[in-house]
């Protein structure tokens, strides 16, 4: 997966005047900070303009891809959702909104809330350079995710932001998101053990609040993932030459690991089983680890399984599974 061409060109134009060595050093600082488990909640993740530009080159494509992967499951499992309005909370420079606008042509209004005015300025600059409605007419607001009142929207997204809040803040913030949701709430977080613990707690809390869980889980029962493990998925991201240079990487791709939840106001849609690990392909059979309505199950699909064999050969980690 990769950014839309016009957005990629806009990012390249935005960083054209920056020193490549400075961008590479900033990208390394961001990567180190991102992986730190002890990063203080509320700490400045992108303290300067060079870090914000480096983020646009090296991290925005990954967060865009993770949001696309989650939102594609919403579109697949509930095609009737067809949201008209979007509220993007903790929007950064707009990666989640770009993903939503790319996947849902029904959207005609986008509102983005971001606490950093410099990131808003970068997001507005990128939106002005790309002719993608409704991003070109989107409204940006300098606001914290923890503010008391949020405007209602059909689709509410909180992407890579709850992990920046303290323990006494994220639960209230999640309740506020759900109250603002008219159709679907999508929460995307880094695919780490610490973030999954928070995701799992939010899952239980919002189910108790009456939210209907659409994905990735095929049920609303207690999460069956054993202690010490965590539920996450992976999306492959294409690296441009510029991305490789500033990330100091040789591969033409990277794999973004993420966890996510989708809640809806409708109880009609329900996810089938989910493939929660890479399929293990052997000669004549394929092993799938599935999360089903009754919990985790290891399934073996053989050549003699007919239609299931054809589906299993194409199956990927994170896909739904409709086996017989």
Protein backbone atom coordinates (compact mmCIF):
# COMPACT_ATOMS: atom_id res chain seq x y z
CA UNK A 1 0.00 0.00 0.00
CA UNK A 2 1.18 3.52 -0.71
CA UNK A 3 0.00 7.11 -0.48
CA UNK A 4 -2.05 8.62 -3.32
CA UNK A 5 0.35 10.03 -5.90
CA UNK A 6 -0.84 13.62 -5.43
CA UNK A 7 -0.35 13.44 -1.66
CA UNK A 8 3.11 11.91 -2.08
CA UNK A 9 4.08 14.77 -4.41
CA UNK A 10 2.74 17.32 -1.92
CA UNK A 11 4.91 15.84 0.85
CA UNK A 12 7.97 15.88 -1.39
CA UNK A 13 7.33 19.55 -2.16
CA UNK A 14 6.88 20.35 1.54
CA UNK A 15 10.29 18.91 2.47
CA UNK A 16 12.14 20.09 -0.65
CA UNK A 17 13.94 22.93 1.13
CA UNK A 18 15.01 20.91 4.18
CA UNK A 19 18.52 19.52 4.49
CA UNK A 20 18.48 15.76 3.79
CA UNK A 21 20.92 15.06 6.64
CA UNK A 22 18.70 16.95 9.09
CA UNK A 23 15.62 15.02 7.93
CA UNK A 24 17.43 11.70 8.28
CA UNK A 25 18.58 12.56 11.82
CA UNK A 26 15.07 13.70 12.77
CA UNK A 27 13.57 10.51 11.34
CA UNK A 28 15.92 8.46 13.51
CA UNK A 29 14.92 10.45 16.61
CA UNK A 30 11.24 9.90 15.83
CA UNK A 31 11.78 6.18 15.35
CA UNK A 32 13.59 5.85 18.68
CA UNK A 33 10.97 7.89 20.50
CA UNK A 34 8.14 5.93 18.89
CA UNK A 35 9.55 2.62 20.12
CA UNK A 36 10.11 3.82 23.70
CA UNK A 37 7.72 2.09 26.07
CA UNK A 38 8.44 4.64 28.82
CA UNK A 39 7.61 7.77 26.80
CA UNK A 40 5.63 10.05 29.08
CA UNK A 41 2.01 10.65 28.17
CA UNK A 42 1.49 14.13 26.77
CA UNK A 43 5.18 14.56 25.91
CA UNK A 44 6.05 16.41 22.72
CA UNK A 45 6.44 13.73 20.07
CA UNK A 46 7.32 16.17 17.28
CA UNK A 47 8.95 19.13 19.04
CA UNK A 48 10.21 21.03 15.97
CA UNK A 49 9.50 21.69 12.32
CA UNK A 50 12.23 19.33 11.10
CA UNK A 51 10.64 16.48 13.12
CA UNK A 52 7.23 17.28 11.66
CA UNK A 53 8.60 17.17 8.13
CA UNK A 54 10.47 13.94 8.81
CA UNK A 55 7.25 12.48 10.21
CA UNK A 56 5.39 13.39 7.01
CA UNK A 57 7.97 11.52 4.93
CA UNK A 58 8.57 8.45 7.08
CA UNK A 59 5.56 7.93 9.39
CA UNK A 60 2.55 9.42 7.61
CA UNK A 61 2.61 6.67 4.92
CA UNK A 62 2.58 3.98 7.64
CA UNK A 63 -0.28 5.51 9.64
CA UNK A 64 -2.20 6.08 6.39
CA UNK A 65 -1.76 2.40 5.51
CA UNK A 66 -2.85 1.17 8.96
CA UNK A 67 -5.95 3.36 8.83
CA UNK A 68 -6.75 2.15 5.33
CA UNK A 69 -6.51 -1.46 6.49
CA UNK A 70 -8.91 -0.87 9.40
CA UNK A 71 -11.34 1.22 7.36
CA UNK A 72 -11.43 -1.36 4.57
CA UNK A 73 -12.78 -3.83 7.12
CA UNK A 74 -15.51 -1.35 8.03
CA UNK A 75 -16.42 -0.96 4.36
CA UNK A 76 -16.33 -4.71 3.79
CA UNK A 77 -18.40 -5.72 6.81
CA UNK A 78 -20.87 -2.83 6.77
CA UNK A 79 -21.09 -1.47 3.20
CA UNK A 80 -24.36 0.26 4.04
CA UNK A 81 -22.60 2.59 6.50
CA UNK A 82 -21.80 5.17 3.76
CA UNK A 83 -20.74 7.96 6.16
CA UNK A 84 -21.31 11.57 5.12
CA UNK A 85 -19.43 13.31 7.94
CA UNK A 86 -16.04 12.54 9.49
CA UNK A 87 -14.50 13.63 12.78
CA UNK A 88 -10.75 12.93 13.01
CA UNK A 89 -9.50 13.25 16.59
CA UNK A 90 -5.81 13.78 17.29
CA UNK A 91 -5.53 14.16 13.54
CA UNK A 92 -1.87 15.10 13.25
CA UNK A 93 -1.38 16.14 9.64
CA UNK A 94 -4.45 14.18 8.52
CA UNK A 95 -3.38 10.63 7.65
CA UNK A 96 -6.61 9.02 8.91
CA UNK A 97 -8.75 11.55 7.05
CA UNK A 98 -6.82 10.96 3.84
CA UNK A 99 -7.46 7.24 4.21
CA UNK A 100 -11.17 7.72 4.91
CA UNK A 101 -11.66 10.10 1.99
CA UNK A 102 -9.88 7.66 -0.32
CA UNK A 103 -12.20 4.80 0.70
CA UNK A 104 -15.57 6.48 1.31
CA UNK A 105 -16.75 8.64 -1.61
CA UNK A 106 -19.92 9.30 0.40
CA UNK A 107 -17.99 11.68 2.70
CA UNK A 108 -18.79 15.34 2.12
CA UNK A 109 -17.61 16.92 5.37
CA UNK A 110 -14.38 16.46 7.36
CA UNK A 111 -13.46 18.02 10.70
CA UNK A 112 -9.99 17.46 12.15
CA UNK A 113 -9.05 18.15 15.78
CA UNK A 114 -5.35 18.45 16.58
CA UNK A 115 -3.66 20.12 19.56
CA UNK A 116 -0.46 21.12 17.70
CA UNK A 117 -1.07 24.20 15.50
CA UNK A 118 2.12 23.48 13.56
CA UNK A 119 0.83 20.06 12.53
CA UNK A 120 -2.43 21.71 11.51
CA UNK A 121 -0.48 24.12 9.32
CA UNK A 122 1.33 21.21 7.67
CA UNK A 123 -1.93 19.33 7.16
CA UNK A 124 -3.60 22.36 5.61
CA UNK A 125 -0.61 22.84 3.30
CA UNK A 126 -0.84 19.24 2.09
CA UNK A 127 -4.62 19.47 1.64
CA UNK A 128 -4.30 22.68 -0.39
CA UNK A 129 -1.88 20.94 -2.76
CA UNK A 130 -4.10 17.90 -3.38
CA UNK A 131 -7.44 18.05 -5.17
CA UNK A 132 -9.29 15.46 -3.11
CA UNK A 133 -12.72 16.45 -1.86
CA UNK A 134 -13.62 16.92 0.89
CA UNK A 135 -10.07 17.30 2.29
CA UNK A 136 -9.58 20.54 0.35
CA UNK A 137 -12.60 21.99 2.23
CA UNK A 138 -11.91 20.33 5.58
CA UNK A 139 -12.09 22.32 8.82
CA UNK A 140 -9.17 22.12 11.24
CA UNK A 141 -9.44 23.01 14.89
CA UNK A 142 -6.68 23.37 17.47
CA UNK A 143 -8.24 21.32 20.25
CA UNK A 144 -7.33 18.60 22.70
CA UNK A 145 -8.85 15.16 22.51
CA UNK A 146 -9.91 15.53 26.13
CA UNK A 147 -12.10 18.59 25.63
CA UNK A 148 -15.61 18.18 27.02
CA UNK A 149 -17.82 18.55 23.94
CA UNK A 150 -17.21 17.00 20.54
CA UNK A 151 -19.34 17.55 17.44
CA UNK A 152 -21.34 14.59 16.19
CA UNK A 153 -20.22 12.76 13.04
CA UNK A 154 -21.21 9.62 11.15
CA UNK A 155 -17.64 8.33 11.30
CA UNK A 156 -15.29 9.15 14.19
CA UNK A 157 -11.61 8.14 14.00
CA UNK A 158 -8.96 8.28 16.72
CA UNK A 159 -5.68 7.17 15.20
CA UNK A 160 -2.38 6.72 17.05
CA UNK A 161 -3.46 9.18 19.73
CA UNK A 162 -4.87 7.40 22.81
CA UNK A 163 -1.40 6.08 23.65
CA UNK A 164 -0.36 9.73 24.10
CA UNK A 165 -2.86 10.23 26.94
CA UNK A 166 -2.46 9.43 30.60
CA UNK A 167 -4.41 6.63 32.27
CA UNK A 168 -6.79 9.14 33.85
CA UNK A 169 -7.57 10.67 30.45
CA UNK A 170 -7.98 7.97 27.81
CA UNK A 171 -11.11 6.35 29.25
CA UNK A 172 -13.03 9.63 29.40
CA UNK A 173 -11.75 10.52 25.93
CA UNK A 174 -13.02 7.21 24.52
CA UNK A 175 -16.46 7.74 26.08
CA UNK A 176 -16.58 11.19 24.50
CA UNK A 177 -15.70 9.71 21.10
CA UNK A 178 -18.49 7.17 21.36
CA UNK A 179 -21.01 9.84 22.37
CA UNK A 180 -20.03 11.81 19.24
CA UNK A 181 -20.44 8.76 16.96
CA UNK A 182 -23.58 8.47 14.86
CA UNK A 183 -22.59 5.37 12.86
CA UNK A 184 -19.07 4.04 13.41
CA UNK A 185 -16.09 4.66 15.69
CA UNK A 186 -12.64 3.48 14.56
CA UNK A 187 -9.71 3.38 16.99
CA UNK A 188 -6.24 2.55 15.64
CA UNK A 189 -3.13 2.22 17.81
CA UNK A 190 0.43 0.94 17.40
CA UNK A 191 0.65 -2.85 17.43
CA UNK A 192 2.56 -3.15 20.71
CA UNK A 193 1.79 -5.09 23.87
CA UNK A 194 1.29 -1.89 25.87
CA UNK A 195 -1.14 -0.43 23.33
CA UNK A 196 -3.05 -3.71 23.10
CA UNK A 197 -3.61 -3.66 26.86
CA UNK A 198 -5.25 -0.27 26.44
CA UNK A 199 -7.18 -1.39 23.36
CA UNK A 200 -8.47 -4.42 25.26
CA UNK A 201 -9.57 -2.28 28.19
CA UNK A 202 -11.37 0.11 25.81
CA UNK A 203 -13.03 -2.86 24.14
CA UNK A 204 -14.60 -3.99 27.42
CA UNK A 205 -15.50 -0.47 28.50
CA UNK A 206 -17.30 0.55 25.30
CA UNK A 207 -19.16 -2.76 25.03
CA UNK A 208 -20.50 -2.01 28.51
CA UNK A 209 -21.49 1.45 27.22
CA UNK A 210 -23.67 -0.25 24.58
CA UNK A 211 -21.35 -0.08 21.58
CA UNK A 212 -21.62 -2.89 19.04
CA UNK A 213 -18.21 -4.40 18.24
CA UNK A 214 -17.79 -4.97 14.50
CA UNK A 215 -14.08 -5.72 14.07
CA UNK A 216 -11.63 -7.25 14.40
CA UNK A 217 -13.41 -9.49 16.90
CA UNK A 218 -16.17 -11.88 15.76
CA UNK A 219 -17.80 -11.68 19.21
CA UNK A 220 -18.25 -9.36 22.17
CA UNK A 221 -17.23 -11.91 24.79
CA UNK A 222 -14.06 -11.78 26.87
CA UNK A 223 -10.98 -11.49 24.65
CA UNK A 224 -9.46 -15.00 24.34
CA UNK A 225 -5.90 -13.80 23.65
CA UNK A 226 -3.76 -15.39 26.41
CA UNK A 227 -1.71 -13.37 28.86
CA UNK A 228 1.65 -12.40 27.37
CA UNK A 229 0.29 -12.35 23.82
CA UNK A 230 -1.44 -9.51 22.01
CA UNK A 231 -3.84 -9.08 19.10
CA UNK A 232 -2.35 -7.01 16.30
CA UNK A 233 -2.10 -6.97 12.53
CA UNK A 234 0.35 -5.86 9.87
CA UNK A 235 0.10 -3.76 6.73
CA UNK A 236 2.90 -3.62 4.16
CA UNK A 237 3.86 -0.09 3.15
CA UNK A 238 5.72 0.78 -0.04
CA UNK A 239 8.76 2.96 0.56
CA UNK A 240 9.65 5.66 -1.95
CA UNK A 241 13.30 6.42 -2.71
CA UNK A 242 13.00 9.51 -0.51
CA UNK A 243 11.49 7.43 2.31
CA UNK A 244 14.35 4.92 2.13
CA UNK A 245 16.95 7.66 2.14
CA UNK A 246 15.63 9.46 5.21
CA UNK A 247 14.78 6.23 7.04
CA UNK A 248 18.22 4.87 6.13
CA UNK A 249 16.67 1.63 4.97
CA UNK A 250 17.49 -0.60 2.01
CA UNK A 251 14.20 -2.44 1.58
CA UNK A 252 11.52 -1.09 -0.73
CA UNK A 253 8.86 -1.71 1.91
CA UNK A 254 8.19 -1.84 5.64
CA UNK A 255 5.53 -3.61 7.68
CA UNK A 256 3.43 -1.43 9.97
CA UNK A 257 2.04 -3.33 12.95
CA UNK A 258 -1.16 -1.96 14.46
CA UNK A 259 -4.14 -2.84 16.66
CA UNK A 260 -7.63 -1.53 16.04
CA UNK A 261 -11.27 -1.61 17.07
CA UNK A 262 -14.42 -0.74 15.11
CA UNK A 263 -17.65 -0.03 16.99
CA UNK A 264 -20.99 0.72 15.36
CA UNK A 265 -24.42 1.96 16.35
CA UNK A 266 -25.96 -0.82 14.28
CA UNK A 267 -26.15 -4.36 15.59
CA UNK A 268 -26.95 -5.80 12.14
CA UNK A 269 -23.37 -6.18 10.93
CA UNK A 270 -21.23 -8.91 12.48
CA UNK A 271 -17.74 -10.05 11.61
CA UNK A 272 -17.09 -13.73 10.82
CA UNK A 273 -13.94 -15.47 12.07
CA UNK A 274 -10.68 -13.52 11.88
CA UNK A 275 -7.23 -14.83 10.93
CA UNK A 276 -5.02 -13.61 13.78
CA UNK A 277 -1.61 -14.91 12.68
CA UNK A 278 0.28 -15.39 9.42
CA UNK A 279 -1.13 -18.49 7.67
CA UNK A 280 1.41 -21.33 7.83
CA UNK A 281 1.60 -22.89 4.37
CA UNK A 282 2.84 -26.46 4.08
CA UNK A 283 2.84 -29.00 1.27
CA UNK A 284 -0.80 -29.90 0.74
CA UNK A 285 -2.24 -28.02 3.72
CA UNK A 286 -2.44 -24.60 5.35
CA UNK A 287 -2.65 -23.87 9.09
CA UNK A 288 -4.85 -20.95 10.18
CA UNK A 289 -5.16 -19.52 13.66
CA UNK A 290 -8.69 -18.18 13.92
CA UNK A 291 -10.54 -16.06 16.42
CA UNK A 292 -14.16 -17.24 16.29
CA UNK A 293 -17.32 -16.58 18.28
CA UNK A 294 -16.30 -19.41 20.63
CA UNK A 295 -12.67 -18.27 21.02
CA UNK A 296 -9.36 -19.20 19.40
CA UNK A 297 -9.07 -22.24 17.14
CA UNK A 298 -6.33 -23.75 14.99
CA UNK A 299 -7.75 -24.85 11.65
CA UNK A 300 -6.08 -27.02 9.01
CA UNK A 301 -7.23 -26.61 5.42
CA UNK A 302 -6.11 -29.30 2.97
CA UNK A 303 -6.26 -29.66 -0.78
CA UNK A 304 -9.30 -31.87 -0.27
CA UNK A 305 -11.20 -29.02 1.34
CA UNK A 306 -12.57 -27.78 -1.97
CA UNK A 307 -13.56 -24.08 -1.96
CA UNK A 308 -11.89 -23.57 1.42
CA UNK A 309 -8.53 -24.55 -0.09
CA UNK A 310 -8.84 -21.87 -2.77
CA UNK A 311 -9.74 -19.27 -0.16
CA UNK A 312 -6.95 -20.35 2.20
CA UNK A 313 -4.30 -20.03 -0.52
CA UNK A 314 -5.18 -16.34 -0.84
CA UNK A 315 -5.80 -15.70 2.86
CA UNK A 316 -3.66 -13.20 4.73
CA UNK A 317 -3.12 -12.28 8.36
CA UNK A 318 -6.00 -10.05 9.44
CA UNK A 319 -8.50 -11.30 6.84
CA UNK A 320 -11.95 -12.52 7.73
CA UNK A 321 -12.57 -16.23 7.27
CA UNK A 322 -15.76 -17.79 5.91
CA UNK A 323 -14.68 -21.41 5.89
CA UNK A 324 -17.22 -24.23 5.80
